Amino acid sequence: MGELAVEKHVKYVLSVEKRKDDFESVVMEHLRMNGAYWGLTTLDMLGKLEMVDRDEIVSWVMQCQHESGGFGGNIGHDPHILYTVSAVQILALFAKIDVLDIDKVSNYISCLQNEDGSFSGDMWGEVDTRFSYIAICSLALLHRLDKIDVEKAVKYIISCKNVDGGFGSIPGAESHAGQIFCCVGALAITGSLHHVDKDLLGWWLCERQVKSGGLNGRPEKLPDVCYSWWVLSSLIMIDRAHWIDKEKLVRFILDCQDKENGGISDRPDDAVDVYHTYFGVAGLSHLEYPGLKPIDPAYALPVDVVNRIFFGK
């Protein structure tokens, strides 16, 4: 089995932040907030968060905030719940949540809840269970879950459950590993996991493992490193992670590394990016790969960060 090229990955993550004109930077321009969260959380899991200038990053994050309280993907970009959760998570990593006007941010999020309990991503109104998870996760980290109708939010998520035990993006949509993570994560945070058929869902999720050891997001699809997070986190939350072959999955993730230049790709020999680097390292953390900080499966933040927020440890 190969080894995790820690130093190379650290170098890669740091270099992504510094490059401004190459292809990866240009296509990431509108979602730089997400990219910063993926990169910084990766560094923290690798024990290297001190290598970045936290004050500079916190200052940039705050420049992405709008009057509405929501955050954009970069300075001058429109606010969206997708970027707002990353902003909250980045500030949580640095123990800087206190720089926020918490009421302003939580009001922005709570205003996106719809009558049926679902959430829109922004003022334009697209509804998706991803946004339900993000709203619940963000507000929990801010200790403001009381700002929304949690019962209605849970009821909406349950209405997206399918006969195969999985969940879709809206009621009636097909089950997908990414959406399952969002729904299971939201139910875990709200103490509502009793609504999940753990054996049925666990079976669907462990069926995502293919011959190479990697996991896919839906039946008949190719494996992708990012599902090492979406599927594995969901299995951990429902206590069924022992239903997959963990050693084969570790091997698959390590095979997706660029050992020379750092970074992890979706599949072996593809181009690396910071998204798959984060999900690869997070997957290895769940698989208890030596030397990695444990990450919380529901909040997608290192366990010590979550403990600090909820238990003051």
Protein backbone atom coordinates (compact mmCIF):
# COMPACT_ATOMS: atom_id res chain seq x y z
CA MET A 1 0.00 0.00 0.00
CA GLY A 2 1.25 3.49 -0.84
CA GLU A 3 1.68 6.23 1.69
CA LEU A 4 -0.05 9.58 2.02
CA ALA A 5 2.30 12.22 0.57
CA VAL A 6 1.61 14.69 3.38
CA GLU A 7 4.28 17.31 2.61
CA LYS A 8 3.41 17.30 -1.11
CA HIS A 9 -0.29 17.80 -0.36
CA VAL A 10 0.44 20.67 2.04
CA LYS A 11 2.57 22.33 -0.63
CA TYR A 12 -0.16 21.80 -3.23
CA VAL A 13 -2.92 23.31 -1.05
CA LEU A 14 -0.78 26.34 -0.20
CA SER A 15 0.08 26.86 -3.89
CA VAL A 16 -3.60 26.83 -4.98
CA GLU A 17 -4.25 29.85 -2.76
CA LYS A 18 -1.34 31.79 -4.23
CA ARG A 19 -2.06 31.21 -7.93
CA LYS A 20 -4.36 33.82 -9.40
CA ASP A 21 -4.21 33.46 -13.17
CA ASP A 22 -4.05 29.79 -14.03
CA PHE A 23 -7.04 27.71 -15.14
CA GLU A 24 -7.88 26.28 -11.71
CA SER A 25 -7.96 29.74 -10.11
CA VAL A 26 -10.10 31.23 -12.87
CA VAL A 27 -12.72 28.47 -12.74
CA MET A 28 -12.74 28.64 -8.92
CA GLU A 29 -13.11 32.43 -8.80
CA HIS A 30 -16.85 32.34 -7.97
CA LEU A 31 -16.52 29.66 -5.27
CA ARG A 32 -13.27 30.65 -3.65
CA MET A 33 -14.95 30.54 -0.22
CA ASN A 34 -15.66 26.82 -0.66
CA GLY A 35 -12.13 26.27 -1.99
CA ALA A 36 -10.66 28.04 1.04
CA TYR A 37 -12.71 25.83 3.37
CA TRP A 38 -11.60 22.63 1.56
CA GLY A 39 -7.96 23.69 1.57
CA LEU A 40 -7.82 24.96 5.16
CA THR A 41 -9.66 21.95 6.59
CA THR A 42 -7.24 19.68 4.72
CA LEU A 43 -4.29 21.54 6.28
CA ASP A 44 -5.87 21.21 9.72
CA MET A 45 -6.40 17.45 9.34
CA LEU A 46 -2.73 17.20 8.29
CA GLY A 47 -1.73 19.25 11.35
CA LYS A 48 -0.43 22.16 9.26
CA LEU A 49 -2.98 24.94 9.75
CA GLU A 50 -0.33 27.19 11.31
CA MET A 51 1.26 27.55 7.86
CA VAL A 52 -1.35 30.10 6.75
CA ASP A 53 -1.90 33.70 7.83
CA ARG A 54 -5.14 33.42 9.80
CA ASP A 55 -5.68 37.18 10.16
CA GLU A 56 -5.40 37.69 6.41
CA ILE A 57 -7.89 34.88 5.75
CA VAL A 58 -10.38 36.06 8.38
CA SER A 59 -10.19 39.59 6.94
CA TRP A 60 -10.88 38.25 3.40
CA VAL A 61 -13.81 36.12 4.65
CA MET A 62 -15.41 39.15 6.27
CA GLN A 63 -15.00 41.18 3.07
CA CYS A 64 -17.22 38.59 1.34
CA GLN A 65 -20.15 39.30 3.68
CA HIS A 66 -23.17 41.23 2.44
CA GLU A 67 -25.54 43.63 4.14
CA SER A 68 -28.06 40.77 4.19
CA GLY A 69 -25.74 38.83 6.52
CA GLY A 70 -24.99 36.14 3.90
CA PHE A 71 -21.61 35.50 2.29
CA GLY A 72 -20.57 35.41 -1.35
CA GLY A 73 -18.11 32.98 -2.92
CA ASN A 74 -15.60 35.83 -3.26
CA ILE A 75 -15.42 39.59 -2.75
CA GLY A 76 -18.13 41.29 -4.83
CA HIS A 77 -20.09 38.09 -5.49
CA ASP A 78 -23.74 37.51 -4.56
CA PRO A 79 -24.54 35.87 -1.22
CA HIS A 80 -25.63 32.23 -1.13
CA ILE A 81 -26.16 29.70 1.64
CA LEU A 82 -23.44 27.47 0.05
CA TYR A 83 -20.77 30.10 0.70
CA THR A 84 -22.23 31.16 4.04
CA VAL A 85 -21.64 27.72 5.59
CA SER A 86 -18.03 27.69 4.34
CA ALA A 87 -17.45 31.14 5.87
CA VAL A 88 -18.81 29.95 9.23
CA GLN A 89 -16.70 26.76 9.04
CA ILE A 90 -13.50 28.70 8.21
CA LEU A 91 -14.07 31.04 11.16
CA ALA A 92 -14.77 27.98 13.35
CA LEU A 93 -11.42 26.44 12.31
CA PHE A 94 -9.62 29.57 13.49
CA ALA A 95 -11.75 29.99 16.66
CA LYS A 96 -12.90 33.32 15.24
CA ILE A 97 -16.70 32.93 15.17
CA ASP A 98 -16.83 35.90 17.56
CA VAL A 99 -15.93 38.30 14.71
CA LEU A 100 -19.40 37.63 13.27
CA ASP A 101 -22.60 39.50 13.98
CA ILE A 102 -24.26 36.17 14.75
CA ASP A 103 -27.83 37.55 14.70
CA LYS A 104 -27.27 39.03 11.25
CA VAL A 105 -25.95 35.75 9.79
CA SER A 106 -28.60 33.61 11.46
CA ASN A 107 -31.38 35.95 10.31
CA TYR A 108 -30.11 35.62 6.72
CA ILE A 109 -30.23 31.83 6.97
CA SER A 110 -33.58 31.64 8.76
CA CYS A 111 -35.20 33.91 6.15
CA LEU A 112 -34.41 31.25 3.53
CA GLN A 113 -36.72 28.70 5.20
CA ASN A 114 -39.92 28.12 3.23
CA GLU A 115 -43.44 27.43 4.45
CA ASP A 116 -43.05 23.65 3.91
CA GLY A 117 -39.86 23.56 6.01
CA SER A 118 -37.48 23.38 3.04
CA PHE A 119 -34.72 25.93 2.39
CA SER A 120 -33.86 28.04 -0.64
CA GLY A 121 -30.19 28.62 -1.45
CA ASP A 122 -30.58 32.35 -1.97
CA MET A 123 -33.14 35.02 -2.93
CA TRP A 124 -33.79 33.31 -6.28
CA GLY A 125 -35.50 30.42 -4.54
CA GLU A 126 -33.90 27.13 -5.71
CA VAL A 127 -34.82 24.41 -3.18
CA ASP A 128 -32.57 21.45 -2.41
CA THR A 129 -31.95 19.22 0.63
CA ARG A 130 -28.31 20.42 0.48
CA PHE A 131 -29.60 23.79 1.66
CA SER A 132 -31.55 22.16 4.53
CA TYR A 133 -28.32 20.57 5.77
CA ILE A 134 -26.32 23.76 5.33
CA ALA A 135 -28.87 25.86 7.23
CA ILE A 136 -29.03 23.37 10.10
CA CYS A 137 -25.26 22.87 10.25
CA SER A 138 -24.50 26.63 10.15
CA LEU A 139 -27.09 27.55 12.76
CA ALA A 140 -25.97 24.73 15.06
CA LEU A 141 -22.36 25.98 14.87
CA LEU A 142 -23.66 29.47 15.72
CA HIS A 143 -25.86 28.11 18.58
CA ARG A 144 -28.93 29.55 16.81
CA LEU A 145 -31.01 26.53 15.76
CA ASP A 146 -33.92 28.17 17.57
CA LYS A 147 -34.09 30.69 14.68
CA ILE A 148 -35.81 28.13 12.42
CA ASP A 149 -38.71 25.71 12.62
CA VAL A 150 -36.63 22.57 13.18
CA GLU A 151 -39.66 20.27 13.28
CA LYS A 152 -40.81 21.48 9.86
CA ALA A 153 -37.26 21.25 8.48
CA VAL A 154 -37.02 17.61 9.62
CA LYS A 155 -40.46 16.81 8.22
CA TYR A 156 -39.42 18.17 4.81
CA ILE A 157 -36.22 16.09 4.80
CA ILE A 158 -38.20 12.95 5.64
CA SER A 159 -40.54 13.72 2.71
CA CYS A 160 -37.46 13.32 0.44
CA LYS A 161 -36.88 9.73 1.63
CA ASN A 162 -37.20 7.00 -1.02
CA VAL A 163 -38.25 3.34 -0.95
CA ASP A 164 -34.58 2.27 -1.21
CA GLY A 165 -33.88 4.02 2.11
CA GLY A 166 -31.96 6.87 0.45
CA PHE A 167 -32.81 10.54 -0.02
CA GLY A 168 -33.06 12.89 -3.00
CA SER A 169 -32.72 16.63 -3.53
CA ILE A 170 -36.50 17.20 -3.39
CA PRO A 171 -39.45 14.82 -2.80
CA GLY A 172 -39.53 12.18 -5.54
CA ALA A 173 -35.95 12.78 -6.74
CA GLU A 174 -33.66 9.76 -7.00
CA SER A 175 -31.39 8.75 -4.14
CA HIS A 176 -27.87 10.12 -4.42
CA ALA A 177 -24.96 9.70 -1.97
CA GLY A 178 -24.35 13.47 -1.74
CA GLN A 179 -27.99 14.18 -0.88
CA ILE A 180 -28.04 11.26 1.54
CA PHE A 181 -25.12 12.80 3.42
CA CYS A 182 -27.00 16.12 3.59
CA CYS A 183 -30.21 14.55 4.87
CA VAL A 184 -28.53 12.17 7.32
CA GLY A 185 -26.23 14.96 8.54
CA ALA A 186 -29.17 17.30 9.15
CA LEU A 187 -31.09 14.53 10.95
CA ALA A 188 -28.01 13.69 13.05
CA ILE A 189 -27.51 17.32 14.12
CA THR A 190 -31.20 17.69 15.07
CA GLY A 191 -31.30 14.36 16.94
CA SER A 192 -33.72 12.88 14.41
CA LEU A 193 -31.85 9.81 13.11
CA HIS A 194 -34.67 7.53 14.31
CA HIS A 195 -36.45 8.48 11.07
CA VAL A 196 -33.80 6.61 9.03
CA ASP A 197 -34.09 2.90 8.19
CA LYS A 198 -30.43 2.26 9.03
CA ASP A 199 -30.21 -1.27 7.63
CA LEU A 200 -31.94 -0.40 4.36
CA LEU A 201 -29.91 2.79 3.87
CA GLY A 202 -26.71 1.10 5.04
CA TRP A 203 -27.22 -1.61 2.42
CA TRP A 204 -27.73 0.98 -0.36
CA LEU A 205 -24.62 2.87 0.74
CA CYS A 206 -22.31 -0.14 1.06
CA GLU A 207 -23.44 -1.24 -2.43
CA ARG A 208 -21.66 1.91 -3.66
CA GLN A 209 -18.28 0.20 -3.26
CA VAL A 210 -16.94 -1.08 -6.60
CA LYS A 211 -14.20 -3.58 -7.48
CA SER A 212 -11.36 -1.02 -7.25
CA GLY A 213 -12.36 -0.28 -3.65
CA GLY A 214 -13.64 3.20 -4.50
CA LEU A 215 -17.21 4.38 -3.92
CA ASN A 216 -19.70 5.79 -6.40
CA GLY A 217 -22.64 8.12 -5.81
CA ARG A 218 -25.34 6.11 -7.58
CA PRO A 219 -25.67 2.62 -9.07
CA GLU A 220 -23.70 1.98 -12.28
CA LYS A 221 -21.55 5.12 -11.92
CA LEU A 222 -17.75 5.31 -11.78
CA PRO A 223 -16.08 5.56 -8.38
CA ASP A 224 -14.98 9.02 -7.24
CA VAL A 225 -12.80 10.01 -4.29
CA CYS A 226 -15.37 12.56 -3.07
CA TYR A 227 -17.77 9.73 -2.18
CA SER A 228 -15.17 8.53 0.34
CA TRP A 229 -16.64 11.42 2.32
CA TRP A 230 -20.34 11.46 1.35
CA VAL A 231 -20.86 7.69 1.68
CA LEU A 232 -18.50 7.00 4.58
CA SER A 233 -19.75 9.91 6.72
CA SER A 234 -23.33 8.71 6.21
CA LEU A 235 -22.37 5.12 7.14
CA ILE A 236 -20.60 6.36 10.29
CA MET A 237 -23.63 8.42 11.36
CA ILE A 238 -25.90 5.36 11.04
CA ASP A 239 -23.31 2.96 12.57
CA ARG A 240 -22.83 0.87 9.43
CA ALA A 241 -19.27 1.82 8.37
CA HIS A 242 -18.13 -1.77 9.04
CA TRP A 243 -20.21 -2.87 6.04
CA ILE A 244 -17.57 -1.76 3.52
CA ASP A 245 -14.01 -2.94 2.87
CA LYS A 246 -12.02 -0.12 4.47
CA GLU A 247 -8.58 -1.35 3.38
CA LYS A 248 -9.61 -1.39 -0.28
CA LEU A 249 -10.99 2.14 0.05
CA VAL A 250 -7.75 3.39 1.64
CA ARG A 251 -5.84 1.88 -1.30
CA PHE A 252 -8.16 3.53 -3.83
CA ILE A 253 -7.73 6.99 -2.26
CA LEU A 254 -3.94 6.64 -2.08
CA ASP A 255 -3.90 5.57 -5.75
CA CYS A 256 -5.52 8.90 -6.66
CA GLN A 257 -2.61 10.98 -5.31
CA ASP A 258 -0.22 12.94 -7.47
CA LYS A 259 2.90 11.78 -5.63
CA GLU A 260 5.17 14.24 -7.42
CA ASN A 261 3.26 17.52 -7.19
CA GLY A 262 0.71 16.80 -4.48
CA GLY A 263 -3.08 16.86 -4.60
CA ILE A 264 -5.66 14.09 -5.02
CA SER A 265 -7.89 13.47 -8.05
CA ASP A 266 -11.33 11.89 -8.48
CA ARG A 267 -9.84 8.70 -9.94
CA PRO A 268 -6.29 7.40 -10.50
CA ASP A 269 -4.29 9.37 -13.11
CA ASP A 270 -6.82 12.21 -13.46
CA ALA A 271 -5.97 15.87 -12.78
CA VAL A 272 -5.93 16.82 -9.10
CA ASP A 273 -7.97 19.63 -7.53
CA VAL A 274 -8.45 21.03 -4.04
CA TYR A 275 -12.01 19.61 -3.78
CA HIS A 276 -10.91 16.00 -4.20
CA THR A 277 -7.80 16.60 -2.10
CA TYR A 278 -10.03 17.61 0.80
CA PHE A 279 -12.47 14.72 0.38
CA GLY A 280 -9.64 12.21 -0.07
CA VAL A 281 -7.89 13.32 3.13
CA ALA A 282 -11.24 13.51 4.99
CA GLY A 283 -12.06 9.98 3.83
CA LEU A 284 -8.67 8.74 5.08
CA SER A 285 -9.31 10.51 8.39
CA HIS A 286 -12.58 8.55 8.73
CA LEU A 287 -10.61 5.39 7.90
CA GLU A 288 -8.25 6.21 10.82
CA TYR A 289 -5.23 6.63 8.59
CA PRO A 290 -2.21 7.28 10.85
CA GLY A 291 -1.27 10.89 11.57
CA LEU A 292 -4.54 12.53 10.53
CA LYS A 293 -6.77 14.50 12.88
CA PRO A 294 -10.24 12.95 13.18
CA ILE A 295 -13.04 14.82 11.41
CA ASP A 296 -16.66 14.98 12.56
CA PRO A 297 -18.97 13.21 10.06
CA ALA A 298 -21.92 15.58 10.60
CA TYR A 299 -20.24 19.00 10.83
CA ALA A 300 -17.37 18.34 8.35
CA LEU A 301 -14.90 19.98 10.74
CA PRO A 302 -12.10 18.43 12.81
CA VAL A 303 -13.45 16.85 16.01
CA ASP A 304 -11.38 19.17 18.24
CA VAL A 305 -12.99 22.21 16.54
CA VAL A 306 -16.49 20.79 17.10
CA ASN A 307 -15.67 19.99 20.74
CA ARG A 308 -14.43 23.54 21.27
CA ILE A 309 -17.67 24.99 19.87
CA PHE A 310 -20.08 22.76 21.78
CA PHE A 311 -18.18 21.82 24.93
CA GLY A 312 -15.70 24.69 25.25
CA LYS A 313 -12.82 22.15 25.29
